[in-house]
N, C-alpha and C. Protein backbone atom coordinates (compact mmCIF):
# COMPACT_ATOMS: atom_id res chain seq x y z
N MET A 1 15.69 2.16 -3.08
CA MET A 1 15.99 0.75 -2.96
C MET A 1 15.36 0.00 -4.12
N ALA A 2 16.01 -0.99 -4.61
CA ALA A 2 15.53 -1.74 -5.75
C ALA A 2 14.31 -2.57 -5.40
N SER A 3 13.47 -2.76 -6.39
CA SER A 3 12.32 -3.63 -6.23
C SER A 3 12.46 -4.79 -7.21
N VAL A 4 11.62 -5.77 -7.04
CA VAL A 4 11.60 -6.94 -7.91
C VAL A 4 10.27 -6.94 -8.65
N THR A 5 10.31 -7.14 -9.96
CA THR A 5 9.08 -7.26 -10.74
C THR A 5 8.77 -8.73 -10.92
N ILE A 6 7.56 -9.12 -10.58
CA ILE A 6 7.16 -10.52 -10.75
C ILE A 6 7.06 -10.79 -12.25
N PRO A 7 7.77 -11.80 -12.73
CA PRO A 7 7.78 -12.10 -14.17
C PRO A 7 6.38 -12.23 -14.76
N GLY A 8 6.19 -11.63 -15.94
CA GLY A 8 4.92 -11.71 -16.64
C GLY A 8 3.87 -10.73 -16.14
N THR A 9 4.24 -9.85 -15.20
CA THR A 9 3.29 -8.88 -14.64
C THR A 9 3.96 -7.51 -14.55
N HIS A 10 3.20 -6.54 -14.08
CA HIS A 10 3.75 -5.22 -13.74
C HIS A 10 3.94 -5.10 -12.23
N ILE A 11 3.66 -6.17 -11.51
CA ILE A 11 3.67 -6.15 -10.04
C ILE A 11 5.10 -6.07 -9.51
N GLN A 12 5.31 -5.11 -8.61
CA GLN A 12 6.61 -4.94 -7.97
C GLN A 12 6.50 -5.33 -6.50
N THR A 13 7.55 -5.98 -5.99
CA THR A 13 7.62 -6.36 -4.58
C THR A 13 8.99 -5.96 -4.03
N LEU A 14 9.13 -6.02 -2.72
CA LEU A 14 10.40 -5.68 -2.08
C LEU A 14 11.51 -6.68 -2.39
N ALA A 15 11.11 -7.93 -2.63
CA ALA A 15 12.06 -9.02 -2.86
C ALA A 15 11.29 -10.14 -3.55
N PRO A 16 11.98 -11.18 -3.98
CA PRO A 16 11.24 -12.35 -4.49
C PRO A 16 10.24 -12.82 -3.43
N VAL A 17 9.09 -13.31 -3.86
CA VAL A 17 8.01 -13.68 -2.95
C VAL A 17 8.48 -14.64 -1.86
N ARG A 18 9.31 -15.59 -2.18
CA ARG A 18 9.76 -16.58 -1.19
C ARG A 18 10.58 -15.94 -0.06
N GLU A 19 11.09 -14.72 -0.26
CA GLU A 19 11.89 -14.04 0.75
C GLU A 19 11.07 -13.05 1.60
N LEU A 20 9.78 -12.92 1.30
CA LEU A 20 8.94 -11.95 1.99
C LEU A 20 8.32 -12.56 3.24
N TYR A 21 8.11 -11.72 4.25
CA TYR A 21 7.40 -12.15 5.45
C TYR A 21 5.89 -12.13 5.18
N PHE A 22 5.45 -11.13 4.43
CA PHE A 22 4.03 -10.96 4.11
C PHE A 22 3.91 -10.63 2.64
N PHE A 23 2.96 -11.28 1.97
CA PHE A 23 2.70 -11.02 0.56
C PHE A 23 1.20 -11.18 0.34
N ASP A 24 0.59 -10.16 -0.25
CA ASP A 24 -0.83 -10.22 -0.57
C ASP A 24 -1.05 -9.52 -1.89
N THR A 25 -1.75 -10.17 -2.80
CA THR A 25 -2.09 -9.54 -4.07
C THR A 25 -3.56 -9.83 -4.35
N GLN A 26 -4.31 -8.77 -4.63
CA GLN A 26 -5.74 -8.89 -4.90
C GLN A 26 -6.07 -8.01 -6.09
N SER A 27 -7.00 -8.49 -6.91
CA SER A 27 -7.38 -7.77 -8.13
C SER A 27 -8.88 -7.60 -8.22
N ALA A 28 -9.26 -6.62 -9.04
CA ALA A 28 -10.67 -6.40 -9.37
C ALA A 28 -10.74 -5.93 -10.81
N VAL A 29 -11.81 -6.33 -11.47
CA VAL A 29 -12.07 -5.85 -12.82
C VAL A 29 -12.98 -4.63 -12.68
N LEU A 30 -12.51 -3.51 -13.19
CA LEU A 30 -13.24 -2.25 -13.08
C LEU A 30 -14.13 -2.03 -14.30
N PRO A 31 -15.22 -1.26 -14.14
CA PRO A 31 -16.10 -0.98 -15.28
C PRO A 31 -15.40 -0.19 -16.40
N ARG A 32 -14.38 0.55 -16.03
CA ARG A 32 -13.59 1.30 -17.01
C ARG A 32 -12.16 1.38 -16.50
N PRO A 33 -11.20 1.54 -17.40
CA PRO A 33 -9.81 1.63 -16.94
C PRO A 33 -9.58 2.88 -16.08
N VAL A 34 -8.74 2.73 -15.07
CA VAL A 34 -8.37 3.83 -14.18
C VAL A 34 -6.86 3.72 -13.96
N SER A 35 -6.18 4.85 -13.96
CA SER A 35 -4.74 4.82 -13.70
C SER A 35 -4.49 4.47 -12.24
N PRO A 36 -3.31 3.96 -11.92
CA PRO A 36 -3.01 3.64 -10.52
C PRO A 36 -3.15 4.86 -9.60
N LEU A 37 -2.68 6.02 -10.05
CA LEU A 37 -2.78 7.22 -9.21
C LEU A 37 -4.23 7.63 -9.01
N ASN A 38 -5.06 7.54 -10.05
CA ASN A 38 -6.47 7.86 -9.88
C ASN A 38 -7.17 6.87 -8.96
N ALA A 39 -6.78 5.61 -9.02
CA ALA A 39 -7.34 4.62 -8.10
C ALA A 39 -6.97 5.00 -6.66
N TRP A 40 -5.71 5.36 -6.44
CA TRP A 40 -5.26 5.78 -5.11
C TRP A 40 -6.04 7.01 -4.66
N ARG A 41 -6.25 7.97 -5.57
CA ARG A 41 -6.98 9.19 -5.24
C ARG A 41 -8.41 8.85 -4.81
N ILE A 42 -9.08 7.96 -5.55
CA ILE A 42 -10.45 7.57 -5.21
C ILE A 42 -10.48 6.91 -3.83
N LEU A 43 -9.53 6.00 -3.58
CA LEU A 43 -9.51 5.28 -2.31
C LEU A 43 -9.15 6.18 -1.13
N MET A 44 -8.33 7.18 -1.35
CA MET A 44 -7.88 8.05 -0.26
C MET A 44 -8.73 9.30 -0.09
N ALA A 45 -9.72 9.50 -0.97
CA ALA A 45 -10.53 10.72 -0.94
C ALA A 45 -11.22 10.92 0.41
N ARG A 46 -11.67 9.83 0.99
CA ARG A 46 -12.36 9.91 2.29
C ARG A 46 -11.77 8.88 3.22
N PRO A 47 -10.71 9.25 3.94
CA PRO A 47 -10.15 8.28 4.89
C PRO A 47 -11.21 7.84 5.90
N ARG A 48 -11.27 6.56 6.14
CA ARG A 48 -12.26 6.02 7.08
C ARG A 48 -11.88 6.39 8.51
N PRO A 49 -12.86 6.78 9.31
CA PRO A 49 -12.58 7.10 10.72
C PRO A 49 -11.91 5.95 11.47
N ILE A 50 -12.31 4.71 11.17
CA ILE A 50 -11.71 3.56 11.86
C ILE A 50 -10.22 3.45 11.52
N MET A 51 -9.85 3.82 10.29
CA MET A 51 -8.44 3.78 9.89
C MET A 51 -7.66 4.85 10.64
N ASN A 52 -8.23 6.04 10.76
CA ASN A 52 -7.56 7.10 11.52
C ASN A 52 -7.33 6.68 12.96
N LEU A 53 -8.32 6.02 13.55
CA LEU A 53 -8.18 5.52 14.92
C LEU A 53 -7.09 4.45 14.98
N ALA A 54 -7.07 3.56 14.00
CA ALA A 54 -6.06 2.50 13.96
C ALA A 54 -4.65 3.08 13.85
N PHE A 55 -4.49 4.13 13.03
CA PHE A 55 -3.17 4.75 12.89
C PHE A 55 -2.75 5.46 14.18
N LYS A 56 -3.69 6.10 14.86
CA LYS A 56 -3.36 6.74 16.15
C LYS A 56 -2.91 5.70 17.17
N LEU A 57 -3.62 4.59 17.21
CA LEU A 57 -3.26 3.51 18.12
C LEU A 57 -1.89 2.94 17.74
N ARG A 58 -1.68 2.72 16.45
CA ARG A 58 -0.40 2.20 15.96
C ARG A 58 0.73 3.13 16.37
N ASP A 59 0.55 4.43 16.14
CA ASP A 59 1.61 5.40 16.46
C ASP A 59 1.89 5.44 17.96
N ALA A 60 0.84 5.40 18.77
CA ALA A 60 1.02 5.45 20.23
C ALA A 60 1.81 4.24 20.73
N ILE A 61 1.50 3.07 20.23
CA ILE A 61 2.19 1.86 20.68
C ILE A 61 3.58 1.75 20.06
N SER A 62 3.67 1.90 18.74
CA SER A 62 4.94 1.70 18.03
C SER A 62 6.00 2.72 18.41
N SER A 63 5.58 3.95 18.68
CA SER A 63 6.56 4.99 19.01
C SER A 63 7.27 4.69 20.33
N VAL A 64 6.61 3.97 21.23
CA VAL A 64 7.25 3.56 22.49
C VAL A 64 8.48 2.71 22.21
N PHE A 65 8.43 1.95 21.12
CA PHE A 65 9.52 1.06 20.75
C PHE A 65 10.50 1.70 19.75
N GLY A 66 10.28 2.97 19.43
CA GLY A 66 11.20 3.69 18.55
C GLY A 66 10.82 3.70 17.08
N ALA A 67 9.66 3.16 16.72
CA ALA A 67 9.22 3.20 15.33
C ALA A 67 8.72 4.61 15.01
N SER A 68 8.90 5.01 13.77
CA SER A 68 8.46 6.34 13.33
C SER A 68 6.94 6.44 13.36
N ARG A 69 6.46 7.63 13.75
CA ARG A 69 5.02 7.91 13.67
C ARG A 69 4.67 8.10 12.20
N ILE A 70 3.51 7.54 11.77
CA ILE A 70 3.13 7.69 10.37
C ILE A 70 1.91 8.56 10.18
N GLY A 71 1.10 8.72 11.20
CA GLY A 71 0.00 9.68 11.14
C GLY A 71 -1.24 9.25 10.38
N GLY A 72 -1.12 8.39 9.40
CA GLY A 72 -2.30 7.96 8.65
C GLY A 72 -2.44 8.67 7.33
N PHE A 73 -3.63 8.59 6.77
CA PHE A 73 -3.90 9.16 5.45
C PHE A 73 -4.61 10.49 5.58
N SER A 74 -4.16 11.48 4.81
CA SER A 74 -4.73 12.82 4.86
C SER A 74 -5.92 13.01 3.93
N GLY A 75 -6.01 12.17 2.90
CA GLY A 75 -7.06 12.35 1.89
C GLY A 75 -6.61 13.23 0.74
N ALA A 76 -5.45 13.86 0.88
CA ALA A 76 -4.92 14.74 -0.17
C ALA A 76 -4.00 13.96 -1.11
N VAL A 77 -4.35 13.96 -2.40
CA VAL A 77 -3.54 13.29 -3.41
C VAL A 77 -3.35 14.26 -4.57
N PRO A 78 -2.11 14.60 -4.91
CA PRO A 78 -1.87 15.54 -6.00
C PRO A 78 -2.27 14.97 -7.36
N GLU A 79 -2.41 15.84 -8.34
CA GLU A 79 -2.76 15.41 -9.70
C GLU A 79 -1.69 14.55 -10.33
N ARG A 80 -0.43 14.82 -9.99
CA ARG A 80 0.70 14.05 -10.52
C ARG A 80 1.67 13.78 -9.39
N VAL A 81 2.40 12.69 -9.54
CA VAL A 81 3.46 12.38 -8.57
C VAL A 81 4.71 12.00 -9.33
N GLN A 82 5.82 12.13 -8.64
CA GLN A 82 7.08 11.70 -9.23
C GLN A 82 7.89 10.95 -8.18
N VAL A 83 8.82 10.17 -8.67
CA VAL A 83 9.67 9.38 -7.79
C VAL A 83 10.35 10.30 -6.78
N GLY A 84 10.35 9.90 -5.52
CA GLY A 84 10.96 10.67 -4.45
C GLY A 84 9.96 11.51 -3.68
N GLN A 85 8.77 11.70 -4.22
CA GLN A 85 7.72 12.47 -3.57
C GLN A 85 7.05 11.63 -2.50
N MET A 86 6.50 12.28 -1.48
CA MET A 86 5.77 11.58 -0.43
C MET A 86 4.26 11.67 -0.68
N LEU A 87 3.57 10.55 -0.49
CA LEU A 87 2.11 10.51 -0.43
C LEU A 87 1.80 10.08 1.00
N ASP A 88 1.47 11.06 1.83
CA ASP A 88 1.33 10.84 3.26
C ASP A 88 2.62 10.21 3.78
N PHE A 89 2.59 9.01 4.34
CA PHE A 89 3.80 8.40 4.90
C PHE A 89 4.51 7.49 3.90
N PHE A 90 3.98 7.38 2.68
CA PHE A 90 4.59 6.54 1.66
C PHE A 90 5.52 7.35 0.75
N LEU A 91 6.64 6.76 0.39
CA LEU A 91 7.56 7.31 -0.59
C LEU A 91 7.19 6.74 -1.95
N VAL A 92 7.07 7.60 -2.96
CA VAL A 92 6.80 7.14 -4.32
C VAL A 92 8.11 6.62 -4.89
N GLU A 93 8.15 5.33 -5.19
CA GLU A 93 9.36 4.73 -5.76
C GLU A 93 9.25 4.49 -7.25
N HIS A 94 8.01 4.43 -7.77
CA HIS A 94 7.79 4.27 -9.20
C HIS A 94 6.42 4.84 -9.52
N ALA A 95 6.33 5.57 -10.61
CA ALA A 95 5.04 6.13 -11.03
C ALA A 95 4.97 6.14 -12.56
N SER A 96 3.98 5.41 -13.09
CA SER A 96 3.76 5.40 -14.53
C SER A 96 2.25 5.28 -14.76
N GLU A 97 1.85 5.19 -15.99
CA GLU A 97 0.42 5.04 -16.30
C GLU A 97 -0.10 3.67 -15.90
N THR A 98 0.79 2.71 -15.67
CA THR A 98 0.34 1.35 -15.33
C THR A 98 0.75 0.89 -13.94
N VAL A 99 1.70 1.58 -13.30
CA VAL A 99 2.19 1.13 -11.99
C VAL A 99 2.47 2.33 -11.08
N LEU A 100 2.01 2.22 -9.84
CA LEU A 100 2.36 3.16 -8.78
C LEU A 100 2.91 2.32 -7.64
N THR A 101 4.17 2.55 -7.29
CA THR A 101 4.82 1.77 -6.23
C THR A 101 5.17 2.70 -5.09
N LEU A 102 4.69 2.36 -3.90
CA LEU A 102 4.87 3.17 -2.70
C LEU A 102 5.55 2.33 -1.63
N THR A 103 6.46 2.96 -0.87
CA THR A 103 7.12 2.24 0.22
C THR A 103 7.11 3.06 1.50
N ALA A 104 7.18 2.33 2.59
CA ALA A 104 7.40 2.91 3.92
C ALA A 104 8.44 2.02 4.57
N ARG A 105 9.53 2.61 5.00
CA ARG A 105 10.64 1.82 5.56
C ARG A 105 10.97 2.34 6.94
N ASP A 106 11.18 1.40 7.85
CA ASP A 106 11.54 1.76 9.21
C ASP A 106 12.49 0.69 9.72
N TRP A 107 12.98 0.85 10.93
CA TRP A 107 13.96 -0.10 11.45
C TRP A 107 13.37 -1.46 11.77
N HIS A 108 12.03 -1.53 11.89
CA HIS A 108 11.41 -2.82 12.24
C HIS A 108 10.88 -3.58 11.02
N LEU A 109 10.51 -2.87 9.95
CA LEU A 109 10.04 -3.54 8.74
C LEU A 109 10.01 -2.57 7.57
N ASP A 110 9.96 -3.12 6.36
CA ASP A 110 9.78 -2.36 5.13
C ASP A 110 8.48 -2.84 4.50
N VAL A 111 7.70 -1.89 3.98
CA VAL A 111 6.42 -2.19 3.33
C VAL A 111 6.44 -1.61 1.93
N MET A 112 5.93 -2.37 0.97
CA MET A 112 5.75 -1.87 -0.38
C MET A 112 4.31 -2.16 -0.81
N THR A 113 3.66 -1.13 -1.33
CA THR A 113 2.34 -1.29 -1.93
C THR A 113 2.47 -0.94 -3.40
N CYS A 114 2.04 -1.84 -4.24
CA CYS A 114 2.12 -1.66 -5.68
C CYS A 114 0.72 -1.72 -6.26
N ILE A 115 0.31 -0.63 -6.91
CA ILE A 115 -0.98 -0.61 -7.60
C ILE A 115 -0.66 -0.69 -9.09
N SER A 116 -1.16 -1.74 -9.73
CA SER A 116 -0.87 -1.93 -11.14
C SER A 116 -2.16 -2.14 -11.91
N VAL A 117 -2.15 -1.70 -13.17
CA VAL A 117 -3.33 -1.87 -14.02
C VAL A 117 -2.93 -2.52 -15.33
N SER A 118 -3.87 -3.31 -15.81
CA SER A 118 -3.74 -3.91 -17.14
C SER A 118 -5.15 -3.92 -17.72
N GLY A 119 -5.40 -2.96 -18.61
CA GLY A 119 -6.76 -2.81 -19.14
C GLY A 119 -7.71 -2.41 -18.02
N HIS A 120 -8.76 -3.20 -17.84
CA HIS A 120 -9.76 -2.92 -16.80
C HIS A 120 -9.40 -3.54 -15.45
N GLU A 121 -8.36 -4.37 -15.42
CA GLU A 121 -8.00 -5.05 -14.17
C GLU A 121 -7.01 -4.22 -13.36
N LEU A 122 -7.35 -4.00 -12.10
CA LEU A 122 -6.48 -3.28 -11.18
C LEU A 122 -6.06 -4.24 -10.08
N THR A 123 -4.78 -4.24 -9.76
CA THR A 123 -4.23 -5.13 -8.74
C THR A 123 -3.52 -4.32 -7.67
N ILE A 124 -3.79 -4.65 -6.43
CA ILE A 124 -3.06 -4.06 -5.30
C ILE A 124 -2.24 -5.18 -4.68
N THR A 125 -0.94 -4.97 -4.65
CA THR A 125 -0.02 -5.96 -4.10
C THR A 125 0.76 -5.33 -2.96
N SER A 126 0.82 -6.03 -1.85
CA SER A 126 1.57 -5.56 -0.69
C SER A 126 2.62 -6.59 -0.32
N SER A 127 3.82 -6.10 -0.05
CA SER A 127 4.90 -6.99 0.38
C SER A 127 5.60 -6.37 1.57
N VAL A 128 6.04 -7.24 2.49
CA VAL A 128 6.68 -6.78 3.72
C VAL A 128 7.93 -7.61 3.97
N LYS A 129 9.01 -6.93 4.32
CA LYS A 129 10.24 -7.59 4.79
C LYS A 129 10.44 -7.18 6.24
N MET A 130 10.78 -8.13 7.06
CA MET A 130 10.99 -7.91 8.49
C MET A 130 12.45 -7.64 8.79
N HIS A 131 12.64 -6.87 9.87
CA HIS A 131 14.00 -6.62 10.36
C HIS A 131 14.22 -7.16 11.77
N ASN A 132 13.11 -7.35 12.51
CA ASN A 132 13.27 -7.80 13.90
C ASN A 132 11.94 -8.28 14.47
N ALA A 133 11.97 -8.63 15.75
CA ALA A 133 10.79 -9.18 16.43
C ALA A 133 9.64 -8.17 16.50
N LEU A 134 9.95 -6.89 16.64
CA LEU A 134 8.88 -5.88 16.69
C LEU A 134 8.09 -5.90 15.38
N GLY A 135 8.78 -6.02 14.27
CA GLY A 135 8.10 -6.10 12.97
C GLY A 135 7.18 -7.30 12.90
N ARG A 136 7.64 -8.44 13.38
CA ARG A 136 6.81 -9.65 13.38
C ARG A 136 5.59 -9.47 14.28
N LEU A 137 5.80 -8.92 15.46
CA LEU A 137 4.70 -8.66 16.39
C LEU A 137 3.69 -7.69 15.77
N TYR A 138 4.19 -6.65 15.15
CA TYR A 138 3.34 -5.65 14.50
C TYR A 138 2.46 -6.29 13.43
N MET A 139 3.03 -7.21 12.66
CA MET A 139 2.29 -7.81 11.55
C MET A 139 1.26 -8.85 11.98
N LEU A 140 1.32 -9.32 13.23
CA LEU A 140 0.33 -10.32 13.68
C LEU A 140 -1.10 -9.81 13.50
N PRO A 141 -1.46 -8.61 13.98
CA PRO A 141 -2.81 -8.12 13.71
C PRO A 141 -2.93 -7.41 12.36
N VAL A 142 -1.85 -6.78 11.93
CA VAL A 142 -1.92 -5.96 10.71
C VAL A 142 -2.08 -6.82 9.45
N GLY A 143 -1.41 -7.96 9.37
CA GLY A 143 -1.49 -8.81 8.18
C GLY A 143 -2.92 -9.20 7.82
N PRO A 144 -3.64 -9.86 8.72
CA PRO A 144 -5.02 -10.25 8.40
C PRO A 144 -5.93 -9.04 8.17
N ALA A 145 -5.75 -7.98 8.97
CA ALA A 145 -6.58 -6.78 8.79
C ALA A 145 -6.32 -6.15 7.43
N HIS A 146 -5.06 -6.13 7.03
CA HIS A 146 -4.70 -5.53 5.75
C HIS A 146 -5.42 -6.22 4.59
N LYS A 147 -5.46 -7.55 4.63
CA LYS A 147 -6.13 -8.30 3.55
C LYS A 147 -7.61 -7.93 3.46
N MET A 148 -8.27 -7.80 4.61
CA MET A 148 -9.69 -7.42 4.61
C MET A 148 -9.88 -5.99 4.11
N ILE A 149 -8.99 -5.09 4.51
CA ILE A 149 -9.10 -3.69 4.09
C ILE A 149 -8.93 -3.57 2.58
N VAL A 150 -7.94 -4.26 2.02
CA VAL A 150 -7.72 -4.20 0.57
C VAL A 150 -8.94 -4.78 -0.16
N ARG A 151 -9.46 -5.89 0.31
CA ARG A 151 -10.64 -6.49 -0.31
C ARG A 151 -11.79 -5.49 -0.34
N GLN A 152 -12.02 -4.81 0.79
CA GLN A 152 -13.09 -3.82 0.87
C GLN A 152 -12.79 -2.61 -0.02
N ASN A 153 -11.54 -2.18 -0.06
CA ASN A 153 -11.16 -1.05 -0.91
C ASN A 153 -11.43 -1.36 -2.39
N LEU A 154 -11.12 -2.57 -2.81
CA LEU A 154 -11.37 -2.95 -4.20
C LEU A 154 -12.86 -2.94 -4.53
N LYS A 155 -13.69 -3.42 -3.60
CA LYS A 155 -15.14 -3.37 -3.81
C LYS A 155 -15.62 -1.93 -3.93
N GLU A 156 -15.11 -1.06 -3.05
CA GLU A 156 -15.50 0.36 -3.10
C GLU A 156 -15.02 1.02 -4.39
N LEU A 157 -13.85 0.64 -4.84
CA LEU A 157 -13.30 1.20 -6.08
C LEU A 157 -14.17 0.82 -7.27
N VAL A 158 -14.61 -0.45 -7.34
CA VAL A 158 -15.49 -0.89 -8.43
C VAL A 158 -16.77 -0.05 -8.42
N ARG A 159 -17.36 0.16 -7.24
CA ARG A 159 -18.58 0.97 -7.15
C ARG A 159 -18.32 2.42 -7.55
N ALA A 160 -17.22 2.98 -7.11
CA ALA A 160 -16.93 4.40 -7.38
C ALA A 160 -16.66 4.64 -8.87
N VAL A 161 -16.06 3.68 -9.53
CA VAL A 161 -15.71 3.84 -10.95
C VAL A 161 -16.93 3.60 -11.85
N ALA A 162 -17.93 2.85 -11.33
CA ALA A 162 -19.10 2.52 -12.15
C ALA A 162 -19.88 3.76 -12.56
């Protein structure tokens, strides 16, 4: 599926920002440049127990309504990825030295996570398009939690790269 690049950036989203149900973009300046895939590898190296619990809870509740089980993060990230490959429950839609775009699509919502780098600055952008009321209900707790998780991940990434 096509993505939209925000003008003047490497950031990709599911649609123009005004058409998104959820949009969050956060950046951090790293002590040294890191590729998007290496940033993902550092962040996924040790999945947090609370995240695993959250994914189990998500799967238990969402599957009752017919949403696909996603299982969470395994901590395994290959040395290289290519378009069409899966990283846990995410589909790789774009992979370059400056941008890694991952999507998860289901009947209730579509999610895109874009990790982009420009020099020492790394940006994580998440965009969501809704398909129905279940998607909206799902995002009520997930939206605010997601913003806090990304903020914490960026802080951890700065420490890990130092």
